[in-house]
Amino acid sequence: MNVNTEKMTAEIDLKKNATYIVKDGVLKEVPKPEDGYGAQIINWQAGKPCHGKLERTFKF
């Protein structure tokens, strides 16, 4: 196992409500449901996020 001691950092706005994925050193924001209600489902393969599913629900 090789350990890379190089440190990578990113800056995000903590006032913004969001979900983020880091894959291969790249930070990506996960889309949110349009109406604000729903679920973000993230699938993993070999220890990395590979697919995402966005489910939308609504309130009465």
PDB file of N, CA and C in Angstrom:
ATOM      1  N   MET A   1       0.841  -1.181   0.000  1.00  0.00           N
ATOM      2  CA  MET A   1       0.000   0.000   0.000  1.00  0.00           C
ATOM      3  C   MET A   1       0.880   1.235   0.000  1.00  0.00           C
ATOM      4  N   ASN A   2       0.681   2.096  -0.965  1.00  0.00           N
ATOM      5  CA  ASN A   2       1.424   3.343  -1.043  1.00  0.00           C
ATOM      6  C   ASN A   2       0.615   4.462  -0.389  1.00  0.00           C
ATOM      7  N   VAL A   3       1.273   5.217   0.427  1.00  0.00           N
ATOM      8  CA  VAL A   3       0.625   6.338   1.092  1.00  0.00           C
ATOM      9  C   VAL A   3       1.159   7.629   0.495  1.00  0.00           C
ATOM     10  N   ASN A   4       0.274   8.438  -0.035  1.00  0.00           N
ATOM     11  CA  ASN A   4       0.648   9.722  -0.609  1.00  0.00           C
ATOM     12  C   ASN A   4       0.498  10.780   0.474  1.00  0.00           C
ATOM     13  N   THR A   5       1.573  11.431   0.831  1.00  0.00           N
ATOM     14  CA  THR A   5       1.526  12.417   1.902  1.00  0.00           C
ATOM     15  C   THR A   5       1.166  13.815   1.399  1.00  0.00           C
ATOM     16  N   GLU A   6       0.964  13.958   0.081  1.00  0.00           N
ATOM     17  CA  GLU A   6       0.564  15.249  -0.467  1.00  0.00           C
ATOM     18  C   GLU A   6      -0.859  15.563   0.003  1.00  0.00           C
ATOM     19  N   LYS A   7      -1.061  16.769   0.487  1.00  0.00           N
ATOM     20  CA  LYS A   7      -2.354  17.156   1.035  1.00  0.00           C
ATOM     21  C   LYS A   7      -3.096  18.046   0.043  1.00  0.00           C
ATOM     22  N   MET A   8      -4.319  17.644  -0.277  1.00  0.00           N
ATOM     23  CA  MET A   8      -5.167  18.447  -1.152  1.00  0.00           C
ATOM     24  C   MET A   8      -6.289  19.031  -0.295  1.00  0.00           C
ATOM     25  N   THR A   9      -6.612  20.281  -0.511  1.00  0.00           N
ATOM     26  CA  THR A   9      -7.678  20.916   0.249  1.00  0.00           C
ATOM     27  C   THR A   9      -8.657  21.593  -0.705  1.00  0.00           C
ATOM     28  N   ALA A  10      -9.884  21.771  -0.209  1.00  0.00           N
ATOM     29  CA  ALA A  10     -10.909  22.488  -0.959  1.00  0.00           C
ATOM     30  C   ALA A  10     -11.642  23.395   0.008  1.00  0.00           C
ATOM     31  N   GLU A  11     -12.212  24.434  -0.519  1.00  0.00           N
ATOM     32  CA  GLU A  11     -12.951  25.371   0.309  1.00  0.00           C
ATOM     33  C   GLU A  11     -14.412  25.357  -0.120  1.00  0.00           C
ATOM     34  N   ILE A  12     -15.319  25.218   0.855  1.00  0.00           N
ATOM     35  CA  ILE A  12     -16.749  25.232   0.562  1.00  0.00           C
ATOM     36  C   ILE A  12     -17.442  26.248   1.464  1.00  0.00           C
ATOM     37  N   ASP A  13     -18.606  26.697   1.031  1.00  0.00           N
ATOM     38  CA  ASP A  13     -19.399  27.649   1.805  1.00  0.00           C
ATOM     39  C   ASP A  13     -20.258  26.872   2.793  1.00  0.00           C
ATOM     40  N   LEU A  14     -19.970  26.992   4.080  1.00  0.00           N
ATOM     41  CA  LEU A  14     -20.703  26.254   5.101  1.00  0.00           C
ATOM     42  C   LEU A  14     -22.085  26.830   5.373  1.00  0.00           C
ATOM     43  N   LYS A  15     -22.406  27.967   4.764  1.00  0.00           N
ATOM     44  CA  LYS A  15     -23.748  28.531   4.897  1.00  0.00           C
ATOM     45  C   LYS A  15     -24.712  27.937   3.876  1.00  0.00           C
ATOM     46  N   LYS A  16     -24.185  27.218   2.903  1.00  0.00           N
ATOM     47  CA  LYS A  16     -24.998  26.606   1.850  1.00  0.00           C
ATOM     48  C   LYS A  16     -25.305  25.153   2.234  1.00  0.00           C
ATOM     49  N   ASN A  17     -26.586  24.805   2.267  1.00  0.00           N
ATOM     50  CA  ASN A  17     -26.977  23.423   2.537  1.00  0.00           C
ATOM     51  C   ASN A  17     -26.754  22.600   1.271  1.00  0.00           C
ATOM     52  N   ALA A  18     -25.893  21.600   1.362  1.00  0.00           N
ATOM     53  CA  ALA A  18     -25.566  20.797   0.186  1.00  0.00           C
ATOM     54  C   ALA A  18     -24.941  19.470   0.612  1.00  0.00           C
ATOM     55  N   THR A  19     -24.935  18.535  -0.318  1.00  0.00           N
ATOM     56  CA  THR A  19     -24.238  17.262  -0.154  1.00  0.00           C
ATOM     57  C   THR A  19     -23.127  17.232  -1.191  1.00  0.00           C
ATOM     58  N   TYR A  20     -21.949  16.793  -0.776  1.00  0.00           N
ATOM     59  CA  TYR A  20     -20.802  16.748  -1.678  1.00  0.00           C
ATOM     60  C   TYR A  20     -20.231  15.342  -1.740  1.00  0.00           C
ATOM     61  N   ILE A  21     -19.646  15.013  -2.875  1.00  0.00           N
ATOM     62  CA  ILE A  21     -18.931  13.756  -3.087  1.00  0.00           C
ATOM     63  C   ILE A  21     -17.507  14.117  -3.497  1.00  0.00           C
ATOM     64  N   VAL A  22     -16.557  13.409  -2.929  1.00  0.00           N
ATOM     65  CA  VAL A  22     -15.173  13.539  -3.379  1.00  0.00           C
ATOM     66  C   VAL A  22     -14.805  12.218  -4.038  1.00  0.00           C
ATOM     67  N   LYS A  23     -14.470  12.279  -5.318  1.00  0.00           N
ATOM     68  CA  LYS A  23     -14.063  11.077  -6.058  1.00  0.00           C
ATOM     69  C   LYS A  23     -12.784  11.389  -6.815  1.00  0.00           C
ATOM     70  N   ASP A  24     -11.767  10.616  -6.546  1.00  0.00           N
ATOM     71  CA  ASP A  24     -10.463  10.778  -7.207  1.00  0.00           C
ATOM     72  C   ASP A  24      -9.937  12.202  -7.081  1.00  0.00           C
ATOM     73  N   GLY A  25     -10.135  12.795  -5.908  1.00  0.00           N
ATOM     74  CA  GLY A  25      -9.597  14.118  -5.636  1.00  0.00           C
ATOM     75  C   GLY A  25     -10.414  15.267  -6.184  1.00  0.00           C
ATOM     76  N   VAL A  26     -11.589  14.967  -6.741  1.00  0.00           N
ATOM     77  CA  VAL A  26     -12.436  16.017  -7.309  1.00  0.00           C
ATOM     78  C   VAL A  26     -13.691  16.152  -6.453  1.00  0.00           C
ATOM     79  N   LEU A  27     -13.991  17.374  -6.015  1.00  0.00           N
ATOM     80  CA  LEU A  27     -15.165  17.667  -5.205  1.00  0.00           C
ATOM     81  C   LEU A  27     -16.329  18.020  -6.122  1.00  0.00           C
ATOM     82  N   LYS A  28     -17.456  17.295  -5.950  1.00  0.00           N
ATOM     83  CA  LYS A  28     -18.647  17.559  -6.757  1.00  0.00           C
ATOM     84  C   LYS A  28     -19.841  17.718  -5.840  1.00  0.00           C
ATOM     85  N   GLU A  29     -20.703  18.670  -6.160  1.00  0.00           N
ATOM     86  CA  GLU A  29     -21.938  18.855  -5.406  1.00  0.00           C
ATOM     87  C   GLU A  29     -23.000  17.923  -5.987  1.00  0.00           C
ATOM     88  N   VAL A  30     -23.701  17.204  -5.117  1.00  0.00           N
ATOM     89  CA  VAL A  30     -24.765  16.305  -5.537  1.00  0.00           C
ATOM     90  C   VAL A  30     -26.016  17.143  -5.770  1.00  0.00           C
ATOM     91  N   PRO A  31     -26.692  16.959  -6.919  1.00  0.00           N
ATOM     92  CA  PRO A  31     -27.900  17.738  -7.169  1.00  0.00           C
ATOM     93  C   PRO A  31     -28.952  17.486  -6.087  1.00  0.00           C
ATOM     94  N   LYS A  32     -29.778  18.504  -5.818  1.00  0.00           N
ATOM     95  CA  LYS A  32     -30.830  18.341  -4.824  1.00  0.00           C
ATOM     96  C   LYS A  32     -32.188  18.325  -5.521  1.00  0.00           C
ATOM     97  N   PRO A  33     -33.198  17.749  -4.863  1.00  0.00           N
ATOM     98  CA  PRO A  33     -34.532  17.724  -5.456  1.00  0.00           C
ATOM     99  C   PRO A  33     -35.034  19.144  -5.735  1.00  0.00           C
ATOM    100  N   GLU A  34     -35.684  19.327  -6.863  1.00  0.00           N
ATOM    101  CA  GLU A  34     -36.139  20.648  -7.298  1.00  0.00           C
ATOM    102  C   GLU A  34     -37.045  21.317  -6.273  1.00  0.00           C
ATOM    103  N   ASP A  35     -37.980  20.567  -5.704  1.00  0.00           N
ATOM    104  CA  ASP A  35     -38.946  21.131  -4.759  1.00  0.00           C
ATOM    105  C   ASP A  35     -38.427  21.152  -3.330  1.00  0.00           C
ATOM    106  N   GLY A  36     -37.238  20.622  -3.116  1.00  0.00           N
ATOM    107  CA  GLY A  36     -36.673  20.614  -1.775  1.00  0.00           C
ATOM    108  C   GLY A  36     -37.034  19.394  -0.945  1.00  0.00           C
ATOM    109  N   TYR A  37     -37.839  18.479  -1.498  1.00  0.00           N
ATOM    110  CA  TYR A  37     -38.219  17.258  -0.792  1.00  0.00           C
ATOM    111  C   TYR A  37     -37.796  16.067  -1.631  1.00  0.00           C
ATOM    112  N   GLY A  38     -37.167  15.082  -0.984  1.00  0.00           N
ATOM    113  CA  GLY A  38     -36.763  13.899  -1.710  1.00  0.00           C
ATOM    114  C   GLY A  38     -35.573  13.230  -1.064  1.00  0.00           C
ATOM    115  N   ALA A  39     -34.866  12.432  -1.855  1.00  0.00           N
ATOM    116  CA  ALA A  39     -33.729  11.673  -1.344  1.00  0.00           C
ATOM    117  C   ALA A  39     -32.614  11.633  -2.385  1.00  0.00           C
ATOM    118  N   GLN A  40     -31.397  11.629  -1.884  1.00  0.00           N
ATOM    119  CA  GLN A  40     -30.215  11.439  -2.719  1.00  0.00           C
ATOM    120  C   GLN A  40     -29.646  10.074  -2.338  1.00  0.00           C
ATOM    121  N   ILE A  41     -29.584   9.172  -3.291  1.00  0.00           N
ATOM    122  CA  ILE A  41     -29.079   7.824  -3.033  1.00  0.00           C
ATOM    123  C   ILE A  41     -27.766   7.675  -3.788  1.00  0.00           C
ATOM    124  N   ILE A  42     -26.713   7.325  -3.057  1.00  0.00           N
ATOM    125  CA  ILE A  42     -25.377   7.201  -3.660  1.00  0.00           C
ATOM    126  C   ILE A  42     -24.937   5.754  -3.571  1.00  0.00           C
ATOM    127  N   ASN A  43     -24.559   5.185  -4.712  1.00  0.00           N
ATOM    128  CA  ASN A  43     -24.061   3.809  -4.774  1.00  0.00           C
ATOM    129  C   ASN A  43     -22.540   3.829  -4.849  1.00  0.00           C
ATOM    130  N   TRP A  44     -21.957   2.840  -4.207  1.00  0.00           N
ATOM    131  CA  TRP A  44     -20.500   2.732  -4.140  1.00  0.00           C
ATOM    132  C   TRP A  44     -20.052   1.437  -4.797  1.00  0.00           C
ATOM    133  N   GLN A  45     -18.879   1.489  -5.424  1.00  0.00           N
ATOM    134  CA  GLN A  45     -18.267   0.305  -6.016  1.00  0.00           C
ATOM    135  C   GLN A  45     -16.764   0.413  -5.821  1.00  0.00           C
ATOM    136  N   ALA A  46     -16.172  -0.635  -5.278  1.00  0.00           N
ATOM    137  CA  ALA A  46     -14.727  -0.687  -5.033  1.00  0.00           C
ATOM    138  C   ALA A  46     -14.258   0.494  -4.180  1.00  0.00           C
ATOM    139  N   GLY A  47     -15.086   0.895  -3.216  1.00  0.00           N
ATOM    140  CA  GLY A  47     -14.703   1.961  -2.303  1.00  0.00           C
ATOM    141  C   GLY A  47     -14.838   3.369  -2.847  1.00  0.00           C
ATOM    142  N   LYS A  48     -15.484   3.523  -4.019  1.00  0.00           N
ATOM    143  CA  LYS A  48     -15.655   4.842  -4.620  1.00  0.00           C
ATOM    144  C   LYS A  48     -17.121   5.047  -4.991  1.00  0.00           C
ATOM    145  N   PRO A  49     -17.604   6.290  -4.893  1.00  0.00           N
ATOM    146  CA  PRO A  49     -18.966   6.550  -5.357  1.00  0.00           C
ATOM    147  C   PRO A  49     -19.020   6.387  -6.873  1.00  0.00           C
ATOM    148  N   CYS A  50     -20.028   5.647  -7.363  1.00  0.00           N
ATOM    149  CA  CYS A  50     -20.069   5.394  -8.806  1.00  0.00           C
ATOM    150  C   CYS A  50     -21.360   5.873  -9.464  1.00  0.00           C
ATOM    151  N   HIS A  51     -22.491   5.800  -8.761  1.00  0.00           N
ATOM    152  CA  HIS A  51     -23.775   6.216  -9.324  1.00  0.00           C
ATOM    153  C   HIS A  51     -24.598   6.922  -8.257  1.00  0.00           C
ATOM    154  N   GLY A  52     -25.449   7.788  -8.711  1.00  0.00           N
ATOM    155  CA  GLY A  52     -26.355   8.467  -7.795  1.00  0.00           C
ATOM    156  C   GLY A  52     -27.760   8.459  -8.347  1.00  0.00           C
ATOM    157  N   LYS A  53     -28.721   8.497  -7.442  1.00  0.00           N
ATOM    158  CA  LYS A  53     -30.124   8.515  -7.831  1.00  0.00           C
ATOM    159  C   LYS A  53     -30.805   9.619  -7.036  1.00  0.00           C
ATOM    160  N   LEU A  54     -31.608  10.394  -7.702  1.00  0.00           N
ATOM    161  CA  LEU A  54     -32.324  11.480  -7.065  1.00  0.00           C
ATOM    162  C   LEU A  54     -33.810  11.135  -7.090  1.00  0.00           C
ATOM    163  N   GLU A  55     -34.417  11.021  -5.908  1.00  0.00           N
ATOM    164  CA  GLU A  55     -35.845  10.750  -5.805  1.00  0.00           C
ATOM    165  C   GLU A  55     -36.548  12.007  -5.326  1.00  0.00           C
ATOM    166  N   ARG A  56     -37.661  12.309  -5.930  1.00  0.00           N
ATOM    167  CA  ARG A  56     -38.412  13.512  -5.609  1.00  0.00           C
ATOM    168  C   ARG A  56     -39.725  13.124  -4.947  1.00  0.00           C
ATOM    169  N   THR A  57     -40.057  13.778  -3.869  1.00  0.00           N
ATOM    170  CA  THR A  57     -41.339  13.594  -3.213  1.00  0.00           C
ATOM    171  C   THR A  57     -42.015  14.949  -3.098  1.00  0.00           C
ATOM    172  N   PHE A  58     -43.265  14.952  -2.679  1.00  0.00           N
ATOM    173  CA  PHE A  58     -43.968  16.217  -2.517  1.00  0.00           C
ATOM    174  C   PHE A  58     -44.804  16.184  -1.254  1.00  0.00           C
ATOM    175  N   LYS A  59     -45.080  17.366  -0.744  1.00  0.00           N
ATOM    176  CA  LYS A  59     -45.881  17.532   0.464  1.00  0.00           C
ATOM    177  C   LYS A  59     -47.278  18.009   0.107  1.00  0.00           C
ATOM    178  N   PHE A  60     -48.257  17.587   0.890  1.00  0.00           N
ATOM    179  CA  PHE A  60     -49.637  18.048   0.694  1.00  0.00           C
ATOM    180  C   PHE A  60     -49.887  19.269   1.530  1.00  0.00           C
TER     181      PHE A  60
END
